[in-house]
Amino acid sequence: MSQTSPRNFTLFCFFLFSLISLCTATQQNDNTKIEGMFVFGSSLVDNGNNNFLPNSIAKVNYFPYGIDFPLGPSGRFTNGKNVIDLLGQKLNLSDYIPPFSDPSTDGSKIVNGVNFASGGSGILDDTGAVAGNVVSLNQQIRNFEEYTLPELEMQWGNKSKEILPQFLFLIGSGGNDYSLNYFMGLSNTTNTSIEAFTANLITTLAHHLMRLYNLGASKFVLMAINPNGCSPMAKARVPTREGCIQTLNRAVHMFNAKLRNLVDTIRTQMPGSNLVFVNSYKVIMDIIRHPISKGFVDANNSCCEISKISEGGNGVLCKRGGSICENREEYVFFDGLHPTEAVNAVIANKAFASKFKLEVYPFNIYDLSQM
């Protein structure tokens, strides 16, 4: 009778472990218990709402935006898919989440969720005024409550309190409250400390979460603000030897720390709820600090040609029909502020499956989907 050598046995165990891991990963994507997503926030999660807003200058319905997106320029502030698209794929949602402002978003199109996000908007109502007509977080939630929710109940044939626990409620807002509000001297912030302003943002956001919870929502994903002080836009406006604009990053870091704490504190006020904090700030900073090891080459420059302020642009968005880099998967930033699809993919992967609490807290979105 032949005996199995220790080496062969080790190889067999490795093969078996790999097979089990593969099956588990496949099983994860197949067994999520989420029916869809409702999305609120700013340009990082906007799927095209601003396309339908008159008098808004925060629109990206033109080339080179969408150059790598299957549907072309769609109003997404990147070259391809954003975080919402990529998370939707991981949750096995059948199609892209439609934008609320699109007149065709009704009937059966809303059964897997709706995207209410608006580029340029913020947690505060007056944030984004410099971008023209944008939809504040407050109004986004009102649109959900007054228009989408009654239609959803009709489509599902059930009450919202029974439907909404099957959906994720993702909120990605706050960055513009600093960039397009506090640091521009709006909202009567002249005599307001950054600490008081940040505390007000968190209190206001907590109020909005309670509104959604009282309607029946119970699964929340809260996105951190990205390190906007490291964006090409910020560094171009305030050149510094340090590279990133630390004043802006410190403010954002303060907000993110309070947002993470909110996950624990607000749960006691919302029995039966579960919240996940996705630390996209850390994920992107890790790439910026060590781009090569993370599969990137350029963490400083925008991939597209930026519309210059001196030429009537805003210094943030891509120039309409302007030049664009060929190796987009190697760039961190697509325009002056927004990440490329490649970075969005890293964030989505971490959000969905990371076990590292500095990246997702207190657990990942896959675990949330099983609750």
Protein backbone atom coordinates (compact mmCIF):
# COMPACT_ATOMS: atom_id res chain seq x y z
CA MET A 1 0.00 0.00 0.00
CA SER A 2 1.52 3.35 -1.08
CA GLN A 3 1.92 6.15 1.41
CA THR A 4 1.25 9.83 0.72
CA SER A 5 4.40 11.94 1.11
CA PRO A 6 4.25 14.95 3.45
CA ARG A 7 4.92 17.22 0.46
CA ASN A 8 2.02 15.78 -1.54
CA PHE A 9 -0.24 16.00 1.47
CA THR A 10 0.68 19.67 1.94
CA LEU A 11 -0.07 20.38 -1.72
CA PHE A 12 -3.39 18.57 -1.39
CA CYS A 13 -4.34 20.63 1.66
CA PHE A 14 -3.34 23.85 -0.12
CA PHE A 15 -5.47 22.89 -3.12
CA LEU A 16 -8.42 22.03 -0.88
CA PHE A 17 -8.11 25.28 1.06
CA SER A 18 -7.94 27.29 -2.17
CA LEU A 19 -11.03 25.53 -3.49
CA ILE A 20 -12.96 26.23 -0.29
CA SER A 21 -11.88 29.89 -0.37
CA LEU A 22 -12.99 30.22 -3.98
CA CYS A 23 -16.35 28.67 -3.22
CA THR A 24 -16.78 30.93 -0.20
CA ALA A 25 -16.00 34.05 -2.25
CA THR A 26 -18.44 32.97 -4.95
CA GLN A 27 -21.02 32.16 -2.30
CA GLN A 28 -20.61 35.63 -0.79
CA ASN A 29 -21.58 37.37 -4.00
CA ASP A 30 -24.44 34.96 -4.69
CA ASN A 31 -26.05 35.09 -1.26
CA THR A 32 -26.38 38.77 -0.45
CA LYS A 33 -29.83 39.51 0.95
CA ILE A 34 -30.12 43.03 -0.44
CA GLU A 35 -32.84 43.96 -2.91
CA GLY A 36 -31.35 47.32 -3.86
CA MET A 37 -29.83 50.63 -2.84
CA PHE A 38 -31.01 54.14 -2.19
CA VAL A 39 -28.16 56.60 -2.62
CA PHE A 40 -27.79 60.13 -1.24
CA GLY A 41 -24.88 62.54 -1.43
CA SER A 42 -22.64 64.51 -3.76
CA SER A 43 -20.68 64.03 -6.98
CA LEU A 44 -18.73 60.99 -5.77
CA VAL A 45 -21.97 58.97 -5.82
CA ASP A 46 -24.05 60.95 -8.37
CA ASN A 47 -25.20 58.69 -11.23
CA GLY A 48 -26.45 61.50 -13.44
CA ASN A 49 -29.00 63.56 -11.51
CA ASN A 50 -27.38 66.88 -12.34
CA ASN A 51 -27.85 66.21 -16.07
CA PHE A 52 -31.51 67.05 -15.59
CA LEU A 53 -31.07 70.16 -13.43
CA PRO A 54 -31.37 73.51 -15.23
CA ASN A 55 -28.87 76.21 -14.32
CA SER A 56 -26.40 73.78 -12.76
CA ILE A 57 -22.74 74.11 -13.69
CA ALA A 58 -21.87 70.86 -11.90
CA LYS A 59 -22.57 68.71 -14.95
CA VAL A 60 -20.31 66.13 -16.60
CA ASN A 61 -22.51 64.89 -19.43
CA TYR A 62 -19.71 65.29 -21.96
CA PHE A 63 -16.50 63.68 -23.15
CA PRO A 64 -14.02 62.72 -21.70
CA TYR A 65 -16.26 61.77 -18.76
CA GLY A 66 -17.61 58.27 -19.30
CA ILE A 67 -14.92 57.33 -21.81
CA ASP A 68 -14.69 53.90 -20.13
CA PHE A 69 -18.35 53.63 -19.13
CA PRO A 70 -20.49 51.25 -21.24
CA LEU A 71 -23.11 53.97 -21.81
CA GLY A 72 -20.62 56.77 -22.48
CA PRO A 73 -20.91 60.17 -20.72
CA SER A 74 -23.74 59.68 -18.23
CA GLY A 75 -23.23 62.32 -15.57
CA ARG A 76 -20.86 60.21 -13.48
CA PHE A 77 -17.89 62.27 -12.29
CA THR A 78 -15.23 59.82 -13.47
CA ASN A 79 -13.97 57.99 -16.53
CA GLY A 80 -16.03 54.84 -15.95
CA LYS A 81 -17.99 53.34 -13.09
CA ASN A 82 -18.31 55.01 -9.71
CA VAL A 83 -18.44 53.37 -6.29
CA ILE A 84 -22.22 52.88 -6.50
CA ASP A 85 -22.02 50.97 -9.78
CA LEU A 86 -19.26 48.73 -8.45
CA LEU A 87 -21.00 48.00 -5.14
CA GLY A 88 -24.19 47.24 -7.06
CA GLN A 89 -22.33 44.60 -9.02
CA LYS A 90 -21.01 43.02 -5.84
CA LEU A 91 -24.52 42.95 -4.41
CA ASN A 92 -25.77 41.27 -7.61
CA LEU A 93 -28.18 44.06 -8.42
CA SER A 94 -29.49 43.48 -11.90
CA ASP A 95 -28.89 46.93 -13.35
CA TYR A 96 -27.42 50.36 -12.67
CA ILE A 97 -29.24 52.36 -9.98
CA PRO A 98 -31.25 54.99 -11.92
CA PRO A 99 -31.03 58.73 -11.14
CA PHE A 100 -34.13 60.24 -9.53
CA SER A 101 -34.11 63.34 -11.77
CA ASP A 102 -34.42 61.28 -14.96
CA PRO A 103 -38.11 61.48 -16.00
CA SER A 104 -37.99 57.81 -17.01
CA THR A 105 -37.14 56.71 -13.45
CA ASP A 106 -40.53 55.39 -12.36
CA GLY A 107 -42.63 52.25 -12.28
CA SER A 108 -40.67 49.01 -12.29
CA LYS A 109 -37.38 50.89 -12.74
CA ILE A 110 -37.31 51.82 -9.05
CA VAL A 111 -37.77 48.36 -7.53
CA ASN A 112 -34.01 47.93 -6.99
CA GLY A 113 -33.41 51.44 -5.73
CA VAL A 114 -32.94 55.03 -6.84
CA ASN A 115 -29.97 57.41 -6.76
CA PHE A 116 -30.77 60.89 -5.39
CA ALA A 117 -27.21 62.24 -5.16
CA SER A 118 -26.35 65.62 -6.66
CA GLY A 119 -22.86 66.82 -7.56
CA GLY A 120 -21.92 69.99 -5.70
CA SER A 121 -24.40 69.43 -2.87
CA GLY A 122 -23.72 69.04 0.82
CA ILE A 123 -25.18 68.19 4.19
CA LEU A 124 -26.13 71.84 4.71
CA ASP A 125 -28.85 73.38 2.56
CA ASP A 126 -26.77 76.33 1.38
CA THR A 127 -23.72 74.31 0.38
CA GLY A 128 -23.24 74.18 -3.38
CA ALA A 129 -24.74 77.59 -4.16
CA VAL A 130 -21.62 78.41 -6.18
CA ALA A 131 -22.41 75.42 -8.42
CA GLY A 132 -25.83 76.80 -9.33
CA ASN A 133 -28.82 74.51 -9.07
CA VAL A 134 -27.96 71.45 -6.97
CA VAL A 135 -30.08 69.26 -4.68
CA SER A 136 -29.18 69.36 -0.99
CA LEU A 137 -29.16 66.23 1.16
CA ASN A 138 -32.26 67.55 2.89
CA GLN A 139 -34.14 67.82 -0.42
CA GLN A 140 -32.82 64.45 -1.61
CA ILE A 141 -34.41 62.74 1.38
CA ARG A 142 -37.61 64.73 0.84
CA ASN A 143 -37.70 63.51 -2.77
CA PHE A 144 -37.34 59.95 -1.53
CA GLU A 145 -40.12 60.33 1.02
CA GLU A 146 -42.63 62.26 -1.08
CA TYR A 147 -42.16 60.75 -4.53
CA THR A 148 -40.22 57.48 -4.58
CA LEU A 149 -41.52 55.83 -1.42
CA PRO A 150 -45.24 55.86 -2.36
CA GLU A 151 -44.33 54.48 -5.80
CA LEU A 152 -42.14 51.80 -4.22
CA GLU A 153 -44.98 50.68 -1.94
CA MET A 154 -47.24 50.39 -4.97
CA GLN A 155 -44.67 48.40 -6.96
CA TRP A 156 -43.95 46.01 -4.08
CA GLY A 157 -47.52 45.87 -2.84
CA ASN A 158 -46.34 46.38 0.72
CA LYS A 159 -45.75 49.03 3.38
CA SER A 160 -42.41 50.81 3.58
CA LYS A 161 -41.58 49.46 7.06
CA GLU A 162 -41.65 45.95 5.57
CA ILE A 163 -39.82 46.83 2.33
CA LEU A 164 -36.99 49.15 3.35
CA PRO A 165 -35.06 46.77 5.67
CA GLN A 166 -34.17 44.85 2.49
CA PHE A 167 -32.37 47.90 1.03
CA LEU A 168 -29.06 49.59 1.70
CA PHE A 169 -29.16 53.34 2.35
CA LEU A 170 -25.81 54.79 1.31
CA ILE A 171 -24.85 58.37 2.14
CA GLY A 172 -21.74 60.04 0.76
CA SER A 173 -21.81 63.73 1.62
CA GLY A 174 -19.83 66.37 3.50
CA GLY A 175 -16.80 67.20 1.35
CA ASN A 176 -18.48 70.13 -0.35
CA ASP A 177 -19.55 71.55 3.00
CA TYR A 178 -15.86 72.32 3.53
CA SER A 179 -14.62 73.01 -0.01
CA LEU A 180 -17.66 74.92 -1.29
CA ASN A 181 -18.88 76.41 1.97
CA TYR A 182 -16.73 76.75 5.11
CA PHE A 183 -13.44 77.53 3.38
CA MET A 184 -15.21 79.91 1.00
CA GLY A 185 -16.67 81.91 3.90
CA LEU A 186 -20.31 80.95 3.26
CA SER A 187 -22.99 79.94 5.81
CA ASN A 188 -21.97 82.83 8.08
CA THR A 189 -18.89 80.80 9.00
CA THR A 190 -16.60 83.81 9.47
CA ASN A 191 -16.78 83.57 13.26
CA THR A 192 -17.39 79.81 13.46
CA SER A 193 -14.57 77.48 14.48
CA ILE A 194 -13.90 74.42 12.37
CA GLU A 195 -14.76 72.28 15.42
CA ALA A 196 -18.19 73.91 15.80
CA PHE A 197 -18.85 73.71 12.05
CA THR A 198 -17.94 70.00 11.98
CA ALA A 199 -20.09 69.25 15.02
CA ASN A 200 -23.02 70.95 13.27
CA LEU A 201 -22.47 68.82 10.17
CA ILE A 202 -22.57 65.59 12.20
CA THR A 203 -25.65 66.69 14.14
CA THR A 204 -27.45 67.58 10.91
CA LEU A 205 -26.45 64.29 9.29
CA ALA A 206 -27.65 62.35 12.35
CA HIS A 207 -31.02 64.10 12.00
CA HIS A 208 -31.25 62.96 8.37
CA LEU A 209 -30.39 59.38 9.34
CA MET A 210 -33.19 59.43 11.92
CA ARG A 211 -35.61 60.64 9.22
CA LEU A 212 -34.74 57.67 7.03
CA TYR A 213 -34.88 55.28 9.98
CA ASN A 214 -38.36 56.49 10.94
CA LEU A 215 -39.48 55.70 7.39
CA GLY A 216 -38.27 52.11 7.77
CA ALA A 217 -34.59 52.14 6.76
CA SER A 218 -32.34 49.98 8.93
CA LYS A 219 -29.14 49.25 6.93
CA PHE A 220 -26.88 52.27 6.42
CA VAL A 221 -23.54 52.78 4.71
CA LEU A 222 -21.76 56.03 5.60
CA MET A 223 -18.92 57.06 3.29
CA ALA A 224 -16.00 59.05 4.69
CA ILE A 225 -14.90 62.24 2.97
CA ASN A 226 -11.91 61.63 0.71
CA PRO A 227 -8.54 63.39 1.35
CA ASN A 228 -9.58 66.39 -0.73
CA GLY A 229 -6.52 68.32 0.42
CA CYS A 230 -4.43 65.99 -1.76
CA SER A 231 -6.49 66.57 -4.90
CA PRO A 232 -4.92 68.31 -7.93
CA MET A 233 -7.51 71.09 -7.54
CA ALA A 234 -6.54 71.87 -3.94
CA LYS A 235 -2.80 71.70 -4.60
CA ALA A 236 -3.10 73.97 -7.63
CA ARG A 237 -5.01 76.62 -5.69
CA VAL A 238 -2.79 76.59 -2.61
CA PRO A 239 0.72 75.51 -3.64
CA THR A 240 2.74 74.20 -0.70
CA ARG A 241 5.98 72.32 -0.13
CA GLU A 242 4.09 69.78 1.94
CA GLY A 243 2.18 68.59 -1.12
CA CYS A 244 -1.29 68.07 0.32
CA ILE A 245 -3.22 70.98 1.86
CA GLN A 246 -3.16 69.97 5.50
CA THR A 247 -5.75 72.53 6.65
CA LEU A 248 -8.38 70.89 4.47
CA ASN A 249 -7.28 67.35 5.28
CA ARG A 250 -7.33 68.03 9.02
CA ALA A 251 -10.90 69.31 8.77
CA VAL A 252 -11.94 66.27 6.75
CA HIS A 253 -10.16 63.93 9.16
CA MET A 254 -12.04 65.52 12.06
CA PHE A 255 -15.36 64.93 10.27
CA ASN A 256 -14.48 61.32 9.50
CA ALA A 257 -13.54 60.58 13.11
CA LYS A 258 -16.88 61.95 14.30
CA LEU A 259 -18.71 60.06 11.56
CA ARG A 260 -17.13 56.80 12.70
CA ASN A 261 -18.17 57.54 16.29
CA LEU A 262 -21.70 58.29 15.09
CA VAL A 263 -22.01 54.68 13.93
CA ASP A 264 -21.88 53.60 17.58
CA THR A 265 -23.78 56.44 19.21
CA ILE A 266 -26.77 56.64 16.88
CA ARG A 267 -27.40 52.89 16.89
CA THR A 268 -28.69 53.15 20.44
CA GLN A 269 -31.30 55.64 19.21
CA MET A 270 -32.30 53.44 16.27
CA PRO A 271 -33.12 49.94 17.61
CA GLY A 272 -32.72 47.22 15.00
CA SER A 273 -30.46 49.32 12.79
CA ASN A 274 -26.96 48.53 11.56
CA LEU A 275 -24.48 51.02 10.15
CA VAL A 276 -21.16 50.65 8.33
CA PHE A 277 -18.52 53.38 8.10
CA VAL A 278 -16.37 53.12 4.95
CA ASN A 279 -13.06 54.91 5.44
CA SER A 280 -12.35 55.90 1.84
CA TYR A 281 -10.02 58.59 3.24
CA LYS A 282 -7.60 55.93 4.46
CA VAL A 283 -7.98 53.78 1.34
CA ILE A 284 -7.07 56.68 -0.95
CA MET A 285 -4.31 58.00 1.32
CA ASP A 286 -2.69 54.56 1.32
CA ILE A 287 -2.64 54.69 -2.48
CA ILE A 288 -1.30 58.27 -2.55
CA ARG A 289 1.52 57.39 -0.13
CA HIS A 290 2.48 54.13 -1.83
CA PRO A 291 1.08 54.27 -5.38
CA ILE A 292 3.44 51.77 -7.03
CA SER A 293 2.79 49.01 -4.50
CA LYS A 294 -0.94 49.58 -4.93
CA GLY A 295 -0.78 49.29 -8.73
CA PHE A 296 -0.81 53.03 -9.55
CA VAL A 297 1.77 55.35 -11.10
CA ASP A 298 0.48 58.93 -10.83
CA ALA A 299 -1.08 60.14 -7.56
CA ASN A 300 -0.57 63.85 -8.16
CA ASN A 301 -1.95 64.87 -11.54
CA SER A 302 -5.37 64.72 -13.11
CA CYS A 303 -5.81 62.29 -15.99
CA CYS A 304 -7.83 64.76 -18.07
CA GLU A 305 -7.11 68.31 -19.17
CA ILE A 306 -8.75 70.63 -16.61
CA SER A 307 -10.98 73.54 -17.58
CA LYS A 308 -8.92 76.54 -16.52
CA ILE A 309 -10.40 79.35 -14.44
CA SER A 310 -8.60 81.85 -16.67
CA GLU A 311 -10.54 80.45 -19.63
CA GLY A 312 -13.93 80.54 -17.92
CA GLY A 313 -13.69 77.06 -16.36
CA ASN A 314 -13.79 76.12 -12.69
CA GLY A 315 -10.40 74.48 -12.23
CA VAL A 316 -12.02 71.22 -11.13
CA LEU A 317 -13.79 69.52 -14.02
CA CYS A 318 -12.36 68.20 -17.27
CA LYS A 319 -12.30 70.53 -20.24
CA ARG A 320 -15.08 69.63 -22.65
CA GLY A 321 -13.48 67.56 -25.40
CA GLY A 322 -10.05 68.08 -23.85
CA SER A 323 -7.08 65.73 -23.89
CA ILE A 324 -6.94 62.67 -21.68
CA CYS A 325 -4.32 60.21 -20.47
CA GLU A 326 -4.20 56.78 -22.09
CA ASN A 327 -3.21 54.76 -19.00
CA ARG A 328 -6.22 55.74 -16.92
CA GLU A 329 -5.95 52.68 -14.69
CA GLU A 330 -2.63 54.05 -13.39
CA TYR A 331 -4.01 57.44 -12.25
CA VAL A 332 -5.55 58.19 -8.85
CA PHE A 333 -7.43 61.32 -9.97
CA PHE A 334 -9.46 61.59 -13.16
CA ASP A 335 -10.13 65.34 -12.92
CA GLY A 336 -9.18 67.95 -10.35
CA LEU A 337 -11.06 66.23 -7.52
CA HIS A 338 -12.70 62.92 -8.43
CA PRO A 339 -10.95 59.53 -8.47
CA THR A 340 -10.67 57.23 -11.47
CA GLU A 341 -12.68 54.06 -11.87
CA ALA A 342 -9.56 52.15 -10.80
CA VAL A 343 -9.59 53.88 -7.41
CA ASN A 344 -13.35 53.49 -7.13
CA ALA A 345 -12.84 49.75 -7.62
CA VAL A 346 -10.36 49.61 -4.73
CA ILE A 347 -12.80 51.48 -2.46
CA ALA A 348 -15.70 49.23 -3.46
CA ASN A 349 -13.66 46.07 -2.88
CA LYS A 350 -12.55 47.26 0.56
CA ALA A 351 -16.06 48.41 1.48
CA PHE A 352 -17.56 45.08 0.50
CA ALA A 353 -15.04 42.60 1.86
CA SER A 354 -12.32 44.16 4.07
CA LYS A 355 -11.88 42.72 7.56
CA PHE A 356 -9.69 45.66 8.62
CA LYS A 357 -11.60 47.94 10.99
CA LEU A 358 -9.54 50.96 10.01
CA GLU A 359 -11.04 50.56 6.54
CA VAL A 360 -14.59 49.46 7.38
CA TYR A 361 -16.23 49.75 10.80
CA PRO A 362 -17.56 47.80 12.58
CA PHE A 363 -17.86 45.29 9.71
CA ASN A 364 -18.02 45.26 5.92
CA ILE A 365 -20.95 45.67 3.55
CA TYR A 366 -21.13 41.95 2.80
CA ASP A 367 -21.67 41.27 6.52
CA LEU A 368 -24.26 44.04 6.60
CA SER A 369 -26.06 42.45 3.67
CA GLN A 370 -26.48 39.23 5.66
CA MET A 371 -28.28 40.89 8.58
